[in-house]
Amino acid sequence: MSAITVTPRTVRHIAIATGRPYEQFRAEYEATVPAFDRLEAIGVVNSGAGWAGIESLSRNTATNGLASFFTFDPSPVMKLNGSTRRGVTYLSGNIIEAEKGFRVDPACFLYLPLRVVIAEASDGTAVLGVDLPADLFDVFPAAELAEVASRFTRTLEQVLRQLRLPVPSEIAGAAGDESSR
């Protein structure tokens, strides 16, 4: 017999107006959260370097704690139908920290890597958006996943500081106390 679980919950979405032109901020984000080279990771796996090789690759790539595993920019396609503003979504994470969640419940990869969006506001500046990791992980009953969410929240805080953005209290406060929801 199959079972279905439906878990309603609130997810807080954080949007931070950067005050910087879209292209400039996008370049800054991509420099701070560099692309993870999947082919290099496959090479590490095939080389027999094991988990230590993946840890080394992650440390070298996710220099500020996060790397982008995938970038989706629908802007050129949307422009074909007259949409002039731009937006790009990144799947940003840290494979070493994410493994700690995967070990507990592989279903947590519904929310890892984190989805980060940079959208162009009507004035041409960038707005960074992300959902609060604690709220995303709240759907899972395993207490260990709250710590995974807390680690990703702390890393998100570090990335925001690296990008010289304000850190909302939901991120700064949640990193130390996930029960403050």
C-alpha atoms as a PDB file:
ATOM      1  CA  MET A   1       0.000   0.000   0.000  1.00  0.00           C
ATOM      2  CA  SER A   2       1.300   3.450  -0.858  1.00  0.00           C
ATOM      3  CA  ALA A   3       1.185   6.397   1.506  1.00  0.00           C
ATOM      4  CA  ILE A   4       0.837  10.074   0.782  1.00  0.00           C
ATOM      5  CA  THR A   5       1.956  12.777   3.178  1.00  0.00           C
ATOM      6  CA  VAL A   6       0.984  16.405   2.707  1.00  0.00           C
ATOM      7  CA  THR A   7       2.790  18.883   4.963  1.00  0.00           C
ATOM      8  CA  PRO A   8       1.643  22.504   4.812  1.00  0.00           C
ATOM      9  CA  ARG A   9       4.144  25.046   6.094  1.00  0.00           C
ATOM     10  CA  THR A  10       5.293  28.600   5.677  1.00  0.00           C
ATOM     11  CA  VAL A  11       8.432  29.317   3.689  1.00  0.00           C
ATOM     12  CA  ARG A  12       9.967  32.755   4.121  1.00  0.00           C
ATOM     13  CA  HIS A  13      11.347  34.198   0.913  1.00  0.00           C
ATOM     14  CA  ILE A  14      14.153  36.737   1.268  1.00  0.00           C
ATOM     15  CA  ALA A  15      14.540  39.394  -1.444  1.00  0.00           C
ATOM     16  CA  ILE A  16      17.451  41.823  -1.164  1.00  0.00           C
ATOM     17  CA  ALA A  17      17.614  44.864  -3.417  1.00  0.00           C
ATOM     18  CA  THR A  18      21.302  45.183  -4.221  1.00  0.00           C
ATOM     19  CA  GLY A  19      21.224  48.736  -5.589  1.00  0.00           C
ATOM     20  CA  ARG A  20      23.724  47.565  -8.217  1.00  0.00           C
ATOM     21  CA  PRO A  21      23.189  47.177 -11.952  1.00  0.00           C
ATOM     22  CA  TYR A  22      21.993  43.695 -12.889  1.00  0.00           C
ATOM     23  CA  GLU A  23      25.039  42.708 -14.976  1.00  0.00           C
ATOM     24  CA  GLN A  24      27.477  44.019 -12.376  1.00  0.00           C
ATOM     25  CA  PHE A  25      25.833  42.178  -9.510  1.00  0.00           C
ATOM     26  CA  ARG A  26      25.474  38.983 -11.532  1.00  0.00           C
ATOM     27  CA  ALA A  27      29.214  39.053 -12.241  1.00  0.00           C
ATOM     28  CA  GLU A  28      29.928  39.669  -8.550  1.00  0.00           C
ATOM     29  CA  TYR A  29      27.710  36.737  -7.533  1.00  0.00           C
ATOM     30  CA  GLU A  30      29.362  34.425 -10.061  1.00  0.00           C
ATOM     31  CA  ALA A  31      32.805  35.445  -8.804  1.00  0.00           C
ATOM     32  CA  THR A  32      31.741  34.818  -5.197  1.00  0.00           C
ATOM     33  CA  VAL A  33      29.845  31.588  -5.946  1.00  0.00           C
ATOM     34  CA  PRO A  34      31.803  30.055  -8.832  1.00  0.00           C
ATOM     35  CA  ALA A  35      30.574  27.320 -11.126  1.00  0.00           C
ATOM     36  CA  PHE A  36      31.204  23.746 -10.025  1.00  0.00           C
ATOM     37  CA  ASP A  37      32.744  21.786 -12.874  1.00  0.00           C
ATOM     38  CA  ARG A  38      30.688  18.587 -13.184  1.00  0.00           C
ATOM     39  CA  LEU A  39      33.150  17.084 -15.648  1.00  0.00           C
ATOM     40  CA  GLU A  40      35.989  17.648 -13.201  1.00  0.00           C
ATOM     41  CA  ALA A  41      33.912  15.976 -10.466  1.00  0.00           C
ATOM     42  CA  ILE A  42      33.285  13.000 -12.750  1.00  0.00           C
ATOM     43  CA  GLY A  43      37.029  12.866 -13.374  1.00  0.00           C
ATOM     44  CA  VAL A  44      37.666  12.786  -9.623  1.00  0.00           C
ATOM     45  CA  VAL A  45      35.149   9.958  -9.205  1.00  0.00           C
ATOM     46  CA  ASN A  46      36.661   7.996 -12.095  1.00  0.00           C
ATOM     47  CA  SER A  47      40.213   8.594 -10.851  1.00  0.00           C
ATOM     48  CA  GLY A  48      39.618   6.628  -7.678  1.00  0.00           C
ATOM     49  CA  ALA A  49      40.485   9.635  -5.499  1.00  0.00           C
ATOM     50  CA  GLY A  50      37.395   8.883  -3.416  1.00  0.00           C
ATOM     51  CA  TRP A  51      35.636  11.254  -1.073  1.00  0.00           C
ATOM     52  CA  ALA A  52      38.921  12.996  -0.222  1.00  0.00           C
ATOM     53  CA  GLY A  53      39.211  13.993  -3.881  1.00  0.00           C
ATOM     54  CA  ILE A  54      35.681  15.422  -3.859  1.00  0.00           C
ATOM     55  CA  GLU A  55      36.451  17.311  -0.629  1.00  0.00           C
ATOM     56  CA  SER A  56      39.532  18.815  -2.243  1.00  0.00           C
ATOM     57  CA  LEU A  57      37.617  19.790  -5.377  1.00  0.00           C
ATOM     58  CA  SER A  58      34.866  21.347  -3.251  1.00  0.00           C
ATOM     59  CA  ARG A  59      37.329  23.331  -1.114  1.00  0.00           C
ATOM     60  CA  ASN A  60      39.022  24.635  -4.253  1.00  0.00           C
ATOM     61  CA  THR A  61      35.750  25.573  -5.944  1.00  0.00           C
ATOM     62  CA  ALA A  62      33.464  26.704  -3.126  1.00  0.00           C
ATOM     63  CA  THR A  63      35.987  29.203  -1.804  1.00  0.00           C
ATOM     64  CA  ASN A  64      33.241  31.205  -0.056  1.00  0.00           C
ATOM     65  CA  GLY A  65      31.300  28.118   1.015  1.00  0.00           C
ATOM     66  CA  LEU A  66      29.039  27.734  -2.027  1.00  0.00           C
ATOM     67  CA  ALA A  67      29.452  26.733  -5.644  1.00  0.00           C
ATOM     68  CA  SER A  68      26.881  26.898  -8.437  1.00  0.00           C
ATOM     69  CA  PHE A  69      26.022  23.477  -9.785  1.00  0.00           C
ATOM     70  CA  PHE A  70      23.662  24.771 -12.450  1.00  0.00           C
ATOM     71  CA  THR A  71      22.739  28.139 -13.964  1.00  0.00           C
ATOM     72  CA  PHE A  72      19.447  28.694 -15.757  1.00  0.00           C
ATOM     73  CA  ASP A  73      19.032  31.966 -17.650  1.00  0.00           C
ATOM     74  CA  PRO A  74      15.713  32.071 -19.527  1.00  0.00           C
ATOM     75  CA  SER A  75      16.130  35.782 -20.379  1.00  0.00           C
ATOM     76  CA  PRO A  76      17.124  35.376 -24.060  1.00  0.00           C
ATOM     77  CA  VAL A  77      14.102  33.153 -24.710  1.00  0.00           C
ATOM     78  CA  MET A  78      11.725  35.425 -22.817  1.00  0.00           C
ATOM     79  CA  LYS A  79      13.007  38.409 -24.774  1.00  0.00           C
ATOM     80  CA  LEU A  80      11.645  36.751 -27.943  1.00  0.00           C
ATOM     81  CA  ASN A  81       8.149  37.488 -26.637  1.00  0.00           C
ATOM     82  CA  GLY A  82       8.924  41.044 -25.526  1.00  0.00           C
ATOM     83  CA  SER A  83      10.030  40.529 -21.916  1.00  0.00           C
ATOM     84  CA  THR A  84      12.855  42.986 -21.466  1.00  0.00           C
ATOM     85  CA  ARG A  85      13.889  42.368 -17.861  1.00  0.00           C
ATOM     86  CA  ARG A  86      16.334  39.631 -17.003  1.00  0.00           C
ATOM     87  CA  GLY A  87      16.535  36.918 -14.388  1.00  0.00           C
ATOM     88  CA  VAL A  88      18.823  33.996 -13.692  1.00  0.00           C
ATOM     89  CA  THR A  89      18.464  31.085 -11.298  1.00  0.00           C
ATOM     90  CA  TYR A  90      21.388  29.275  -9.712  1.00  0.00           C
ATOM     91  CA  LEU A  91      21.443  25.951  -7.922  1.00  0.00           C
ATOM     92  CA  SER A  92      24.084  26.849  -5.357  1.00  0.00           C
ATOM     93  CA  GLY A  93      25.389  24.593  -2.645  1.00  0.00           C
ATOM     94  CA  ASN A  94      28.264  22.767  -1.083  1.00  0.00           C
ATOM     95  CA  ILE A  95      28.468  19.056  -1.860  1.00  0.00           C
ATOM     96  CA  ILE A  96      30.381  18.296   1.348  1.00  0.00           C
ATOM     97  CA  GLU A  97      27.772  19.929   3.580  1.00  0.00           C
ATOM     98  CA  ALA A  98      24.898  18.599   1.445  1.00  0.00           C
ATOM     99  CA  GLU A  99      26.131  15.018   1.875  1.00  0.00           C
ATOM    100  CA  LYS A 100      25.409  15.317   5.598  1.00  0.00           C
ATOM    101  CA  GLY A 101      21.748  15.825   4.735  1.00  0.00           C
ATOM    102  CA  PHE A 102      21.710  13.207   1.983  1.00  0.00           C
ATOM    103  CA  ARG A 103      23.033  10.649   4.464  1.00  0.00           C
ATOM    104  CA  VAL A 104      20.028  11.295   6.731  1.00  0.00           C
ATOM    105  CA  ASP A 105      17.363  11.594   4.017  1.00  0.00           C
ATOM    106  CA  PRO A 106      18.171  11.770   0.302  1.00  0.00           C
ATOM    107  CA  ALA A 107      14.812  13.521  -0.219  1.00  0.00           C
ATOM    108  CA  CYS A 108      16.371  16.687   1.242  1.00  0.00           C
ATOM    109  CA  PHE A 109      17.938  17.179  -2.189  1.00  0.00           C
ATOM    110  CA  LEU A 110      14.595  18.612  -3.183  1.00  0.00           C
ATOM    111  CA  TYR A 111      16.005  21.774  -1.539  1.00  0.00           C
ATOM    112  CA  LEU A 112      19.739  21.249  -2.055  1.00  0.00           C
ATOM    113  CA  PRO A 113      21.416  22.848  -3.762  1.00  0.00           C
ATOM    114  CA  LEU A 114      19.641  26.046  -2.767  1.00  0.00           C
ATOM    115  CA  ARG A 115      17.786  27.948  -5.464  1.00  0.00           C
ATOM    116  CA  VAL A 116      19.088  31.503  -5.723  1.00  0.00           C
ATOM    117  CA  VAL A 117      17.605  33.994  -8.172  1.00  0.00           C
ATOM    118  CA  ILE A 118      18.960  37.288  -9.396  1.00  0.00           C
ATOM    119  CA  ALA A 119      16.171  39.286 -10.992  1.00  0.00           C
ATOM    120  CA  GLU A 120      16.329  42.624 -12.721  1.00  0.00           C
ATOM    121  CA  ALA A 121      14.146  45.270 -11.081  1.00  0.00           C
ATOM    122  CA  SER A 122      12.322  47.832 -13.220  1.00  0.00           C
ATOM    123  CA  ASP A 123      15.162  50.324 -12.614  1.00  0.00           C
ATOM    124  CA  GLY A 124      17.799  47.904 -13.976  1.00  0.00           C
ATOM    125  CA  THR A 125      19.240  46.964 -10.596  1.00  0.00           C
ATOM    126  CA  ALA A 126      19.534  43.428  -9.301  1.00  0.00           C
ATOM    127  CA  VAL A 127      17.417  41.800  -6.613  1.00  0.00           C
ATOM    128  CA  LEU A 128      18.773  38.632  -5.013  1.00  0.00           C
ATOM    129  CA  GLY A 129      16.161  36.139  -3.831  1.00  0.00           C
ATOM    130  CA  VAL A 130      16.413  32.938  -1.793  1.00  0.00           C
ATOM    131  CA  ASP A 131      14.122  30.888   0.426  1.00  0.00           C
ATOM    132  CA  LEU A 132      15.183  30.455   4.042  1.00  0.00           C
ATOM    133  CA  PRO A 133      16.839  27.017   4.393  1.00  0.00           C
ATOM    134  CA  ALA A 134      15.316  26.391   7.840  1.00  0.00           C
ATOM    135  CA  ASP A 135      11.821  26.757   6.409  1.00  0.00           C
ATOM    136  CA  LEU A 136      12.594  24.451   3.501  1.00  0.00           C
ATOM    137  CA  PHE A 137      14.038  21.738   5.747  1.00  0.00           C
ATOM    138  CA  ASP A 138      11.255  22.065   8.311  1.00  0.00           C
ATOM    139  CA  VAL A 139       9.252  19.562   6.265  1.00  0.00           C
ATOM    140  CA  PHE A 140      11.637  16.751   7.263  1.00  0.00           C
ATOM    141  CA  PRO A 141      11.206  15.186  10.722  1.00  0.00           C
ATOM    142  CA  ALA A 142      14.877  14.220  11.218  1.00  0.00           C
ATOM    143  CA  ALA A 143      16.464  16.588  13.737  1.00  0.00           C
ATOM    144  CA  GLU A 144      19.862  16.227  12.029  1.00  0.00           C
ATOM    145  CA  LEU A 145      18.489  18.064   9.004  1.00  0.00           C
ATOM    146  CA  ALA A 146      17.899  21.181  11.098  1.00  0.00           C
ATOM    147  CA  GLU A 147      21.676  21.338  11.554  1.00  0.00           C
ATOM    148  CA  VAL A 148      22.200  20.976   7.802  1.00  0.00           C
ATOM    149  CA  ALA A 149      19.780  23.874   7.270  1.00  0.00           C
ATOM    150  CA  SER A 150      21.627  25.876   9.918  1.00  0.00           C
ATOM    151  CA  ARG A 151      24.968  25.301   8.179  1.00  0.00           C
ATOM    152  CA  PHE A 152      23.568  26.405   4.845  1.00  0.00           C
ATOM    153  CA  THR A 153      22.056  29.472   6.507  1.00  0.00           C
ATOM    154  CA  ARG A 154      25.424  30.400   8.040  1.00  0.00           C
ATOM    155  CA  THR A 155      27.084  29.935   4.660  1.00  0.00           C
ATOM    156  CA  LEU A 156      24.400  32.055   3.007  1.00  0.00           C
ATOM    157  CA  GLU A 157      25.102  34.762   5.591  1.00  0.00           C
ATOM    158  CA  GLN A 158      28.825  34.631   4.756  1.00  0.00           C
ATOM    159  CA  VAL A 159      28.094  34.919   1.029  1.00  0.00           C
ATOM    160  CA  LEU A 160      25.812  37.922   1.594  1.00  0.00           C
ATOM    161  CA  ARG A 161      28.545  39.615   3.627  1.00  0.00           C
ATOM    162  CA  GLN A 162      31.128  38.802   0.939  1.00  0.00           C
ATOM    163  CA  LEU A 163      28.794  40.447  -1.591  1.00  0.00           C
ATOM    164  CA  ARG A 164      28.486  43.491   0.718  1.00  0.00           C
ATOM    165  CA  LEU A 165      24.732  43.002   1.091  1.00  0.00           C
ATOM    166  CA  PRO A 166      22.657  43.527   4.212  1.00  0.00           C
ATOM    167  CA  VAL A 167      21.963  40.325   6.137  1.00  0.00           C
ATOM    168  CA  PRO A 168      18.303  40.020   7.132  1.00  0.00           C
ATOM    169  CA  SER A 169      17.693  39.039  10.764  1.00  0.00           C
ATOM    170  CA  GLU A 170      15.942  35.890   9.517  1.00  0.00           C
ATOM    171  CA  ILE A 171      19.280  34.737   8.152  1.00  0.00           C
ATOM    172  CA  ALA A 172      21.584  36.130  10.851  1.00  0.00           C
ATOM    173  CA  GLY A 173      19.276  34.986  13.649  1.00  0.00           C
ATOM    174  CA  ALA A 174      18.340  31.642  12.114  1.00  0.00           C
ATOM    175  CA  ALA A 175      21.964  30.581  11.780  1.00  0.00           C
ATOM    176  CA  GLY A 176      22.346  30.390  15.523  1.00  0.00           C
ATOM    177  CA  ASP A 177      18.866  29.259  16.500  1.00  0.00           C
ATOM    178  CA  GLU A 178      16.790  27.298  14.024  1.00  0.00           C
ATOM    179  CA  SER A 179      13.977  27.056  16.596  1.00  0.00           C
ATOM    180  CA  SER A 180      13.285  30.791  16.290  1.00  0.00           C
ATOM    181  CA  ARG A 181      10.889  30.211  13.375  1.00  0.00           C
END
